[in-house]
Structure formats: structure tokens, C-alpha cells
Amino acid sequence: IDLQKGLLEKAAALGCRKAVIHPSGEPLDEAERAARLEQAKKSL
């Protein structure tokens, strides 16, 4: 989150309108999927 905050500031300094983010890496264990979805939503 802290890394992406710093780069969002850079995107804003560039004058960009949108910033694109990946909600996860890979590969993901299916048994962890629901928990990871909640973690991603907290971060987003």
C-alpha cells in the first residue's frame, strides 16, 4: 500500500487521470482466495 501511495503521487504529478492497479499477484491458492479477496478490498 505504501509503495502504491508513493507512485500515485507520481502519477498525480504527471497529470494522469487514471491509475491502473492489479488486485493481486499469482499464482494464488484457491483455499486462500476468499481471504485474499477481503485483503485486496481493504487495500483498495
All heavy atoms as atom14 arrays in JSON, in Angstrom:
{
  "sequence": "IDLQKGLLEKAAALGCRKAVIHPSGEPLDEAERAARLEQAKKSL",
  "atom14_mask": [
    [1, 1, 1, 1, 1, 1, 1, 1, 0, 0, 0, 0, 0, 0],
    [1, 1, 1, 1, 1, 1, 1, 1, 0, 0, 0, 0, 0, 0],
    [1, 1, 1, 1, 1, 1, 1, 1, 0, 0, 0, 0, 0, 0],
    [1, 1, 1, 1, 1, 1, 1, 1, 1, 0, 0, 0, 0, 0],
    [1, 1, 1, 1, 1, 1, 1, 1, 1, 0, 0, 0, 0, 0],
    [1, 1, 1, 1, 0, 0, 0, 0, 0, 0, 0, 0, 0, 0],
    [1, 1, 1, 1, 1, 1, 1, 1, 0, 0, 0, 0, 0, 0],
    [1, 1, 1, 1, 1, 1, 1, 1, 0, 0, 0, 0, 0, 0],
    [1, 1, 1, 1, 1, 1, 1, 1, 1, 0, 0, 0, 0, 0],
    [1, 1, 1, 1, 1, 1, 1, 1, 1, 0, 0, 0, 0, 0],
    [1, 1, 1, 1, 1, 0, 0, 0, 0, 0, 0, 0, 0, 0],
    [1, 1, 1, 1, 1, 0, 0, 0, 0, 0, 0, 0, 0, 0],
    [1, 1, 1, 1, 1, 0, 0, 0, 0, 0, 0, 0, 0, 0],
    [1, 1, 1, 1, 1, 1, 1, 1, 0, 0, 0, 0, 0, 0],
    [1, 1, 1, 1, 0, 0, 0, 0, 0, 0, 0, 0, 0, 0],
    [1, 1, 1, 1, 1, 1, 0, 0, 0, 0, 0, 0, 0, 0],
    [1, 1, 1, 1, 1, 1, 1, 1, 1, 1, 1, 0, 0, 0],
    [1, 1, 1, 1, 1, 1, 1, 1, 1, 0, 0, 0, 0, 0],
    [1, 1, 1, 1, 1, 0, 0, 0, 0, 0, 0, 0, 0, 0],
    [1, 1, 1, 1, 1, 1, 1, 0, 0, 0, 0, 0, 0, 0],
    [1, 1, 1, 1, 1, 1, 1, 1, 0, 0, 0, 0, 0, 0],
    [1, 1, 1, 1, 1, 1, 1, 1, 1, 1, 0, 0, 0, 0],
    [1, 1, 1, 1, 1, 1, 1, 0, 0, 0, 0, 0, 0, 0],
    [1, 1, 1, 1, 1, 1, 0, 0, 0, 0, 0, 0, 0, 0],
    [1, 1, 1, 1, 0, 0, 0, 0, 0, 0, 0, 0, 0, 0],
    [1, 1, 1, 1, 1, 1, 1, 1, 1, 0, 0, 0, 0, 0],
    [1, 1, 1, 1, 1, 1, 1, 0, 0, 0, 0, 0, 0, 0],
    [1, 1, 1, 1, 1, 1, 1, 1, 0, 0, 0, 0, 0, 0],
    [1, 1, 1, 1, 1, 1, 1, 1, 0, 0, 0, 0, 0, 0],
    [1, 1, 1, 1, 1, 1, 1, 1, 1, 0, 0, 0, 0, 0],
    [1, 1, 1, 1, 1, 0, 0, 0, 0, 0, 0, 0, 0, 0],
    [1, 1, 1, 1, 1, 1, 1, 1, 1, 0, 0, 0, 0, 0],
    [1, 1, 1, 1, 1, 1, 1, 1, 1, 1, 1, 0, 0, 0],
    [1, 1, 1, 1, 1, 0, 0, 0, 0, 0, 0, 0, 0, 0],
    [1, 1, 1, 1, 1, 0, 0, 0, 0, 0, 0, 0, 0, 0],
    [1, 1, 1, 1, 1, 1, 1, 1, 1, 1, 1, 0, 0, 0],
    [1, 1, 1, 1, 1, 1, 1, 1, 0, 0, 0, 0, 0, 0],
    [1, 1, 1, 1, 1, 1, 1, 1, 1, 0, 0, 0, 0, 0],
    [1, 1, 1, 1, 1, 1, 1, 1, 1, 0, 0, 0, 0, 0],
    [1, 1, 1, 1, 1, 0, 0, 0, 0, 0, 0, 0, 0, 0],
    [1, 1, 1, 1, 1, 1, 1, 1, 1, 0, 0, 0, 0, 0],
    [1, 1, 1, 1, 1, 1, 1, 1, 1, 0, 0, 0, 0, 0],
    [1, 1, 1, 1, 1, 1, 0, 0, 0, 0, 0, 0, 0, 0],
    [1, 1, 1, 1, 1, 1, 1, 1, 0, 0, 0, 0, 0, 0]
  ],
  "atom14_positions": [
    [[0.84, -1.2, 0.0], [0.0, 0.0, 0.0], [0.87, 1.25, 0.0], [0.63, 2.19, -0.77], [-0.95, -0.01, 1.22], [-2.04, -1.07, 1.04], [-1.59, 1.37, 1.41], [-2.92, -1.26, 2.27], [0.0, 0.0, 0.0], [0.0, 0.0, 0.0], [0.0, 0.0, 0.0], [0.0, 0.0, 0.0], [0.0, 0.0, 0.0], [0.0, 0.0, 0.0]],
    [[1.88, 1.27, 0.85], [2.77, 2.44, 0.92], [3.49, 2.66, -0.41], [3.66, 3.81, -0.86], [3.78, 2.28, 2.05], [3.14, 2.4, 3.43], [2.02, 2.94, 3.52], [3.76, 1.93, 4.4], [0.0, 0.0, 0.0], [0.0, 0.0, 0.0], [0.0, 0.0, 0.0], [0.0, 0.0, 0.0], [0.0, 0.0, 0.0], [0.0, 0.0, 0.0]],
    [[3.94, 1.58, -1.04], [4.59, 1.68, -2.34], [3.66, 2.31, -3.36], [4.03, 3.25, -4.09], [5.02, 0.29, -2.83], [5.47, 0.21, -4.3], [6.77, 0.96, -4.51], [5.62, -1.26, -4.71], [0.0, 0.0, 0.0], [0.0, 0.0, 0.0], [0.0, 0.0, 0.0], [0.0, 0.0, 0.0], [0.0, 0.0, 0.0], [0.0, 0.0, 0.0]],
    [[2.42, 1.84, -3.4], [1.47, 2.34, -4.38], [1.06, 3.79, -4.07], [0.83, 4.57, -5.01], [0.23, 1.44, -4.45], [0.51, -0.03, -4.74], [1.14, -0.29, -6.1], [1.73, 0.6, -6.73], [1.05, -1.52, -6.57], [0.0, 0.0, 0.0], [0.0, 0.0, 0.0], [0.0, 0.0, 0.0], [0.0, 0.0, 0.0], [0.0, 0.0, 0.0]],
    [[1.01, 4.15, -2.83], [0.72, 5.55, -2.49], [1.78, 6.48, -3.07], [1.47, 7.53, -3.64], [0.65, 5.73, -0.97], [-0.65, 5.27, -0.33], [-0.61, 5.54, 1.17], [-1.92, 5.19, 1.84], [-1.86, 5.45, 3.31], [0.0, 0.0, 0.0], [0.0, 0.0, 0.0], [0.0, 0.0, 0.0], [0.0, 0.0, 0.0], [0.0, 0.0, 0.0]],
    [[3.04, 6.09, -2.92], [4.11, 6.91, -3.46], [4.02, 7.06, -4.97], [4.26, 8.15, -5.52], [0.0, 0.0, 0.0], [0.0, 0.0, 0.0], [0.0, 0.0, 0.0], [0.0, 0.0, 0.0], [0.0, 0.0, 0.0], [0.0, 0.0, 0.0], [0.0, 0.0, 0.0], [0.0, 0.0, 0.0], [0.0, 0.0, 0.0], [0.0, 0.0, 0.0]],
    [[3.63, 6.0, -5.64], [3.52, 6.06, -7.1], [2.23, 6.76, -7.55], [2.2, 7.36, -8.63], [3.61, 4.65, -7.68], [5.01, 4.05, -7.51], [5.02, 2.58, -7.88], [6.05, 4.81, -8.33], [0.0, 0.0, 0.0], [0.0, 0.0, 0.0], [0.0, 0.0, 0.0], [0.0, 0.0, 0.0], [0.0, 0.0, 0.0], [0.0, 0.0, 0.0]],
    [[1.2, 6.71, -6.73], [0.01, 7.51, -7.04], [0.34, 9.0, -6.99], [-0.16, 9.79, -7.79], [-1.11, 7.17, -6.06], [-1.83, 5.84, -6.28], [-2.72, 5.5, -5.1], [-2.64, 5.86, -7.58], [0.0, 0.0, 0.0], [0.0, 0.0, 0.0], [0.0, 0.0, 0.0], [0.0, 0.0, 0.0], [0.0, 0.0, 0.0], [0.0, 0.0, 0.0]],
    [[1.2, 9.38, -6.06], [1.64, 10.78, -6.02], [2.41, 11.14, -7.28], [2.27, 12.23, -7.83], [2.5, 11.01, -4.78], [1.72, 10.97, -3.48], [2.59, 11.15, -2.26], [3.8, 10.8, -2.33], [2.09, 11.63, -1.22], [0.0, 0.0, 0.0], [0.0, 0.0, 0.0], [0.0, 0.0, 0.0], [0.0, 0.0, 0.0], [0.0, 0.0, 0.0]],
    [[3.21, 10.2, -7.77], [3.95, 10.44, -9.01], [2.99, 10.54, -10.19], [3.14, 11.41, -11.06], [4.95, 9.3, -9.25], [5.78, 9.44, -10.51], [7.0, 8.53, -10.5], [8.09, 9.07, -9.62], [9.38, 8.37, -9.79], [0.0, 0.0, 0.0], [0.0, 0.0, 0.0], [0.0, 0.0, 0.0], [0.0, 0.0, 0.0], [0.0, 0.0, 0.0]],
    [[1.99, 9.67, -10.24], [1.0, 9.73, -11.31], [0.27, 11.07, -11.3], [-0.01, 11.65, -12.35], [0.01, 8.58, -11.18], [0.0, 0.0, 0.0], [0.0, 0.0, 0.0], [0.0, 0.0, 0.0], [0.0, 0.0, 0.0], [0.0, 0.0, 0.0], [0.0, 0.0, 0.0], [0.0, 0.0, 0.0], [0.0, 0.0, 0.0], [0.0, 0.0, 0.0]],
    [[-0.06, 11.54, -10.1], [-0.74, 12.83, -9.99], [0.18, 13.95, -10.46], [-0.26, 14.9, -11.13], [-1.19, 13.06, -8.55], [0.0, 0.0, 0.0], [0.0, 0.0, 0.0], [0.0, 0.0, 0.0], [0.0, 0.0, 0.0], [0.0, 0.0, 0.0], [0.0, 0.0, 0.0], [0.0, 0.0, 0.0], [0.0, 0.0, 0.0], [0.0, 0.0, 0.0]],
    [[1.46, 13.88, -10.1], [2.42, 14.9, -10.53], [2.56, 14.93, -12.04], [2.83, 15.97, -12.64], [3.78, 14.64, -9.87], [0.0, 0.0, 0.0], [0.0, 0.0, 0.0], [0.0, 0.0, 0.0], [0.0, 0.0, 0.0], [0.0, 0.0, 0.0], [0.0, 0.0, 0.0], [0.0, 0.0, 0.0], [0.0, 0.0, 0.0], [0.0, 0.0, 0.0]],
    [[2.36, 13.78, -12.69], [2.42, 13.72, -14.15], [1.17, 14.3, -14.81], [1.17, 14.59, -16.0], [2.58, 12.26, -14.6], [3.95, 11.63, -14.39], [3.88, 10.13, -14.65], [4.97, 12.28, -15.32], [0.0, 0.0, 0.0], [0.0, 0.0, 0.0], [0.0, 0.0, 0.0], [0.0, 0.0, 0.0], [0.0, 0.0, 0.0], [0.0, 0.0, 0.0]],
    [[0.1, 14.42, -14.03], [-1.15, 14.9, -14.6], [-2.02, 13.81, -15.17], [-2.96, 14.09, -15.93], [0.0, 0.0, 0.0], [0.0, 0.0, 0.0], [0.0, 0.0, 0.0], [0.0, 0.0, 0.0], [0.0, 0.0, 0.0], [0.0, 0.0, 0.0], [0.0, 0.0, 0.0], [0.0, 0.0, 0.0], [0.0, 0.0, 0.0], [0.0, 0.0, 0.0]],
    [[-1.72, 12.54, -14.83], [-2.55, 11.44, -15.32], [-3.95, 11.51, -14.71], [-4.12, 11.99, -13.6], [-1.91, 10.09, -14.97], [-0.33, 9.77, -15.78], [0.0, 0.0, 0.0], [0.0, 0.0, 0.0], [0.0, 0.0, 0.0], [0.0, 0.0, 0.0], [0.0, 0.0, 0.0], [0.0, 0.0, 0.0], [0.0, 0.0, 0.0], [0.0, 0.0, 0.0]],
    [[-4.91, 10.98, -15.44], [-6.29, 10.96, -14.94], [-6.62, 9.65, -14.21], [-7.46, 9.62, -13.32], [-7.27, 11.15, -16.1], [-7.16, 12.5, -16.78], [-8.27, 12.68, -17.78], [-8.17, 13.94, -18.49], [-9.06, 14.36, -19.38], [-10.12, 13.63, -19.66], [-8.89, 15.52, -20.0], [0.0, 0.0, 0.0], [0.0, 0.0, 0.0], [0.0, 0.0, 0.0]],
    [[-6.0, 8.57, -14.67], [-6.29, 7.25, -14.12], [-5.0, 6.58, -13.67], [-3.93, 6.8, -14.25], [-6.97, 6.35, -15.17], [-8.11, 6.99, -15.94], [-9.32, 7.3, -15.07], [-10.42, 7.96, -15.91], [-11.57, 8.38, -15.06], [0.0, 0.0, 0.0], [0.0, 0.0, 0.0], [0.0, 0.0, 0.0], [0.0, 0.0, 0.0], [0.0, 0.0, 0.0]],
    [[-5.12, 5.73, -12.66], [-4.02, 4.86, -12.25], [-4.57, 3.44, -12.21], [-5.62, 3.18, -11.61], [-3.5, 5.26, -10.87], [0.0, 0.0, 0.0], [0.0, 0.0, 0.0], [0.0, 0.0, 0.0], [0.0, 0.0, 0.0], [0.0, 0.0, 0.0], [0.0, 0.0, 0.0], [0.0, 0.0, 0.0], [0.0, 0.0, 0.0], [0.0, 0.0, 0.0]],
    [[-3.87, 2.53, -12.87], [-4.32, 1.15, -13.01], [-3.6, 0.28, -12.0], [-2.38, 0.35, -11.85], [-4.04, 0.63, -14.44], [-4.44, -0.85, -14.56], [-4.79, 1.48, -15.47], [0.0, 0.0, 0.0], [0.0, 0.0, 0.0], [0.0, 0.0, 0.0], [0.0, 0.0, 0.0], [0.0, 0.0, 0.0], [0.0, 0.0, 0.0], [0.0, 0.0, 0.0]],
    [[-4.37, -0.56, -11.3], [-3.78, -1.42, -10.27], [-4.22, -2.86, -10.45], [-5.37, -3.13, -10.83], [-4.15, -0.92, -8.85], [-3.34, -1.63, -7.78], [-5.65, -1.05, -8.59], [-3.39, -0.98, -6.41], [0.0, 0.0, 0.0], [0.0, 0.0, 0.0], [0.0, 0.0, 0.0], [0.0, 0.0, 0.0], [0.0, 0.0, 0.0], [0.0, 0.0, 0.0]],
    [[-3.31, -3.8, -10.19], [-3.63, -5.21, -10.16], [-4.09, -5.57, -8.75], [-3.4, -5.24, -7.78], [-2.41, -6.05, -10.51], [-2.08, -6.08, -11.97], [-1.21, -7.0, -12.53], [-2.5, -5.31, -13.0], [-1.11, -6.79, -13.83], [-1.88, -5.76, -14.14], [0.0, 0.0, 0.0], [0.0, 0.0, 0.0], [0.0, 0.0, 0.0], [0.0, 0.0, 0.0]],
    [[-5.22, -6.27, -8.61], [-5.71, -6.6, -7.27], [-4.95, -7.73, -6.58], [-5.17, -7.97, -5.4], [-7.17, -6.99, -7.52], [-7.22, -7.43, -8.94], [-6.21, -6.58, -9.66], [0.0, 0.0, 0.0], [0.0, 0.0, 0.0], [0.0, 0.0, 0.0], [0.0, 0.0, 0.0], [0.0, 0.0, 0.0], [0.0, 0.0, 0.0], [0.0, 0.0, 0.0]],
    [[-4.08, -8.43, -7.31], [-3.28, -9.49, -6.68], [-2.12, -9.86, -7.58], [-2.03, -9.43, -8.74], [-4.12, -10.75, -6.42], [-4.3, -11.5, -7.61], [0.0, 0.0, 0.0], [0.0, 0.0, 0.0], [0.0, 0.0, 0.0], [0.0, 0.0, 0.0], [0.0, 0.0, 0.0], [0.0, 0.0, 0.0], [0.0, 0.0, 0.0], [0.0, 0.0, 0.0]],
    [[-1.23, -10.68, -7.03], [-0.22, -11.35, -7.83], [-0.73, -12.73, -8.2], [-1.93, -13.0, -8.17], [0.0, 0.0, 0.0], [0.0, 0.0, 0.0], [0.0, 0.0, 0.0], [0.0, 0.0, 0.0], [0.0, 0.0, 0.0], [0.0, 0.0, 0.0], [0.0, 0.0, 0.0], [0.0, 0.0, 0.0], [0.0, 0.0, 0.0], [0.0, 0.0, 0.0]],
    [[0.2, -13.64, -8.54], [-0.15, -15.02, -8.86], [1.1, -15.9, -8.71], [2.22, -15.36, -8.7], [-0.73, -15.11, -10.27], [0.25, -14.75, -11.39], [-0.32, -14.97, -12.77], [-1.16, -15.87, -12.98], [0.09, -14.22, -13.67], [0.0, 0.0, 0.0], [0.0, 0.0, 0.0], [0.0, 0.0, 0.0], [0.0, 0.0, 0.0], [0.0, 0.0, 0.0]],
    [[0.89, -17.22, -8.62], [-0.38, -17.95, -8.55], [-0.98, -17.89, -7.15], [-0.25, -17.76, -6.17], [0.03, -19.38, -8.92], [1.44, -19.49, -8.42], [2.05, -18.13, -8.64], [0.0, 0.0, 0.0], [0.0, 0.0, 0.0], [0.0, 0.0, 0.0], [0.0, 0.0, 0.0], [0.0, 0.0, 0.0], [0.0, 0.0, 0.0], [0.0, 0.0, 0.0]],
    [[-2.3, -18.0, -7.08], [-2.98, -17.98, -5.8], [-3.52, -19.37, -5.46], [-4.01, -20.08, -6.34], [-4.15, -16.99, -5.82], [-3.84, -15.52, -6.09], [-5.09, -14.69, -5.88], [-2.71, -15.02, -5.2], [0.0, 0.0, 0.0], [0.0, 0.0, 0.0], [0.0, 0.0, 0.0], [0.0, 0.0, 0.0], [0.0, 0.0, 0.0], [0.0, 0.0, 0.0]],
    [[-3.43, -19.7, -4.21], [-4.0, -20.95, -3.7], [-5.51, -20.75, -3.58], [-5.97, -19.8, -2.93], [-3.37, -21.26, -2.33], [-3.82, -22.59, -1.76], [-4.91, -23.08, -2.12], [-3.07, -23.14, -0.92], [0.0, 0.0, 0.0], [0.0, 0.0, 0.0], [0.0, 0.0, 0.0], [0.0, 0.0, 0.0], [0.0, 0.0, 0.0], [0.0, 0.0, 0.0]],
    [[-6.28, -21.64, -4.19], [-7.74, -21.5, -4.15], [-8.28, -21.49, -2.72], [-9.29, -20.86, -2.44], [-8.41, -22.61, -4.97], [-8.25, -22.46, -6.47], [-8.88, -21.16, -6.99], [-10.06, -20.9, -6.68], [-8.18, -20.41, -7.7], [0.0, 0.0, 0.0], [0.0, 0.0, 0.0], [0.0, 0.0, 0.0], [0.0, 0.0, 0.0], [0.0, 0.0, 0.0]],
    [[-7.6, -22.19, -1.83], [-8.06, -22.23, -0.43], [-7.93, -20.87, 0.24], [-8.59, -20.6, 1.25], [-7.26, -23.27, 0.34], [0.0, 0.0, 0.0], [0.0, 0.0, 0.0], [0.0, 0.0, 0.0], [0.0, 0.0, 0.0], [0.0, 0.0, 0.0], [0.0, 0.0, 0.0], [0.0, 0.0, 0.0], [0.0, 0.0, 0.0], [0.0, 0.0, 0.0]],
    [[-7.08, -20.0, -0.29], [-6.86, -18.67, 0.28], [-7.65, -17.58, -0.44], [-7.57, -16.41, -0.06], [-5.37, -18.31, 0.22], [-4.46, -19.23, 1.02], [-3.0, -18.86, 0.87], [-2.69, -18.04, -0.04], [-2.18, -19.36, 1.66], [0.0, 0.0, 0.0], [0.0, 0.0, 0.0], [0.0, 0.0, 0.0], [0.0, 0.0, 0.0], [0.0, 0.0, 0.0]],
    [[-8.38, -17.96, -1.46], [-8.98, -16.97, -2.36], [-9.91, -16.0, -1.65], [-9.82, -14.79, -1.82], [-9.7, -17.68, -3.5], [-10.05, -16.78, -4.65], [-10.45, -17.54, -5.9], [-10.36, -16.63, -7.02], [-9.25, -16.4, -7.72], [-8.15, -17.07, -7.43], [-9.24, -15.52, -8.7], [0.0, 0.0, 0.0], [0.0, 0.0, 0.0], [0.0, 0.0, 0.0]],
    [[-10.82, -16.51, -0.85], [-11.79, -15.64, -0.16], [-11.08, -14.66, 0.78], [-11.41, -13.47, 0.84], [-12.8, -16.48, 0.61], [0.0, 0.0, 0.0], [0.0, 0.0, 0.0], [0.0, 0.0, 0.0], [0.0, 0.0, 0.0], [0.0, 0.0, 0.0], [0.0, 0.0, 0.0], [0.0, 0.0, 0.0], [0.0, 0.0, 0.0], [0.0, 0.0, 0.0]],
    [[-10.08, -15.15, 1.5], [-9.33, -14.29, 2.43], [-8.55, -13.23, 1.66], [-8.48, -12.06, 2.08], [-8.4, -15.13, 3.29], [0.0, 0.0, 0.0], [0.0, 0.0, 0.0], [0.0, 0.0, 0.0], [0.0, 0.0, 0.0], [0.0, 0.0, 0.0], [0.0, 0.0, 0.0], [0.0, 0.0, 0.0], [0.0, 0.0, 0.0], [0.0, 0.0, 0.0]],
    [[-7.96, -13.62, 0.55], [-7.2, -12.65, -0.25], [-8.13, -11.61, -0.87], [-7.75, -10.44, -0.99], [-6.42, -13.38, -1.34], [-5.12, -14.01, -0.84], [-4.33, -14.62, -1.98], [-3.0, -15.03, -1.59], [-1.92, -14.25, -1.63], [-2.04, -12.99, -2.04], [-0.74, -14.71, -1.28], [0.0, 0.0, 0.0], [0.0, 0.0, 0.0], [0.0, 0.0, 0.0]],
    [[-9.32, -12.01, -1.24], [-10.27, -11.05, -1.79], [-10.58, -9.97, -0.76], [-10.64, -8.77, -1.08], [-11.54, -11.78, -2.21], [-12.58, -10.98, -3.0], [-12.03, -10.54, -4.36], [-13.85, -11.8, -3.21], [0.0, 0.0, 0.0], [0.0, 0.0, 0.0], [0.0, 0.0, 0.0], [0.0, 0.0, 0.0], [0.0, 0.0, 0.0], [0.0, 0.0, 0.0]],
    [[-10.76, -10.37, 0.49], [-11.03, -9.4, 1.55], [-9.82, -8.5, 1.81], [-9.97, -7.3, 2.05], [-11.45, -10.12, 2.82], [-12.82, -10.79, 2.73], [-13.9, -9.83, 2.25], [-14.03, -8.73, 2.84], [-14.61, -10.17, 1.27], [0.0, 0.0, 0.0], [0.0, 0.0, 0.0], [0.0, 0.0, 0.0], [0.0, 0.0, 0.0], [0.0, 0.0, 0.0]],
    [[-8.63, -9.06, 1.76], [-7.41, -8.26, 1.93], [-7.29, -7.22, 0.81], [-6.97, -6.04, 1.06], [-6.17, -9.16, 1.93], [-6.02, -10.04, 3.15], [-5.62, -9.26, 4.39], [-6.48, -8.7, 5.08], [-4.32, -9.21, 4.68], [0.0, 0.0, 0.0], [0.0, 0.0, 0.0], [0.0, 0.0, 0.0], [0.0, 0.0, 0.0], [0.0, 0.0, 0.0]],
    [[-7.55, -7.65, -0.42], [-7.48, -6.72, -1.55], [-8.5, -5.6, -1.4], [-8.2, -4.43, -1.68], [-7.7, -7.48, -2.86], [0.0, 0.0, 0.0], [0.0, 0.0, 0.0], [0.0, 0.0, 0.0], [0.0, 0.0, 0.0], [0.0, 0.0, 0.0], [0.0, 0.0, 0.0], [0.0, 0.0, 0.0], [0.0, 0.0, 0.0], [0.0, 0.0, 0.0]],
    [[-9.69, -5.93, -0.96], [-10.73, -4.9, -0.8], [-10.35, -3.89, 0.29], [-10.58, -2.69, 0.13], [-12.07, -5.57, -0.48], [-12.65, -6.31, -1.69], [-13.83, -7.19, -1.34], [-15.08, -6.41, -1.09], [-16.27, -7.29, -0.95], [0.0, 0.0, 0.0], [0.0, 0.0, 0.0], [0.0, 0.0, 0.0], [0.0, 0.0, 0.0], [0.0, 0.0, 0.0]],
    [[-9.74, -4.36, 1.37], [-9.27, -3.43, 2.41], [-8.22, -2.49, 1.82], [-8.24, -1.28, 2.08], [-8.68, -4.21, 3.58], [-9.68, -4.89, 4.49], [-9.07, -5.31, 5.81], [-7.97, -6.32, 5.66], [-7.45, -6.8, 6.97], [0.0, 0.0, 0.0], [0.0, 0.0, 0.0], [0.0, 0.0, 0.0], [0.0, 0.0, 0.0], [0.0, 0.0, 0.0]],
    [[-7.31, -3.04, 1.04], [-6.26, -2.23, 0.44], [-6.84, -1.24, -0.57], [-6.44, -0.06, -0.6], [-5.24, -3.13, -0.26], [-4.67, -4.06, 0.63], [0.0, 0.0, 0.0], [0.0, 0.0, 0.0], [0.0, 0.0, 0.0], [0.0, 0.0, 0.0], [0.0, 0.0, 0.0], [0.0, 0.0, 0.0], [0.0, 0.0, 0.0], [0.0, 0.0, 0.0]],
    [[-7.76, -1.7, -1.4], [-8.35, -0.83, -2.42], [-9.14, 0.32, -1.79], [-9.17, 1.43, -2.33], [-9.24, -1.65, -3.35], [-8.5, -2.59, -4.31], [-9.49, -3.52, -5.0], [-7.71, -1.79, -5.34], [0.0, 0.0, 0.0], [0.0, 0.0, 0.0], [0.0, 0.0, 0.0], [0.0, 0.0, 0.0], [0.0, 0.0, 0.0], [0.0, 0.0, 0.0]]
  ]
}
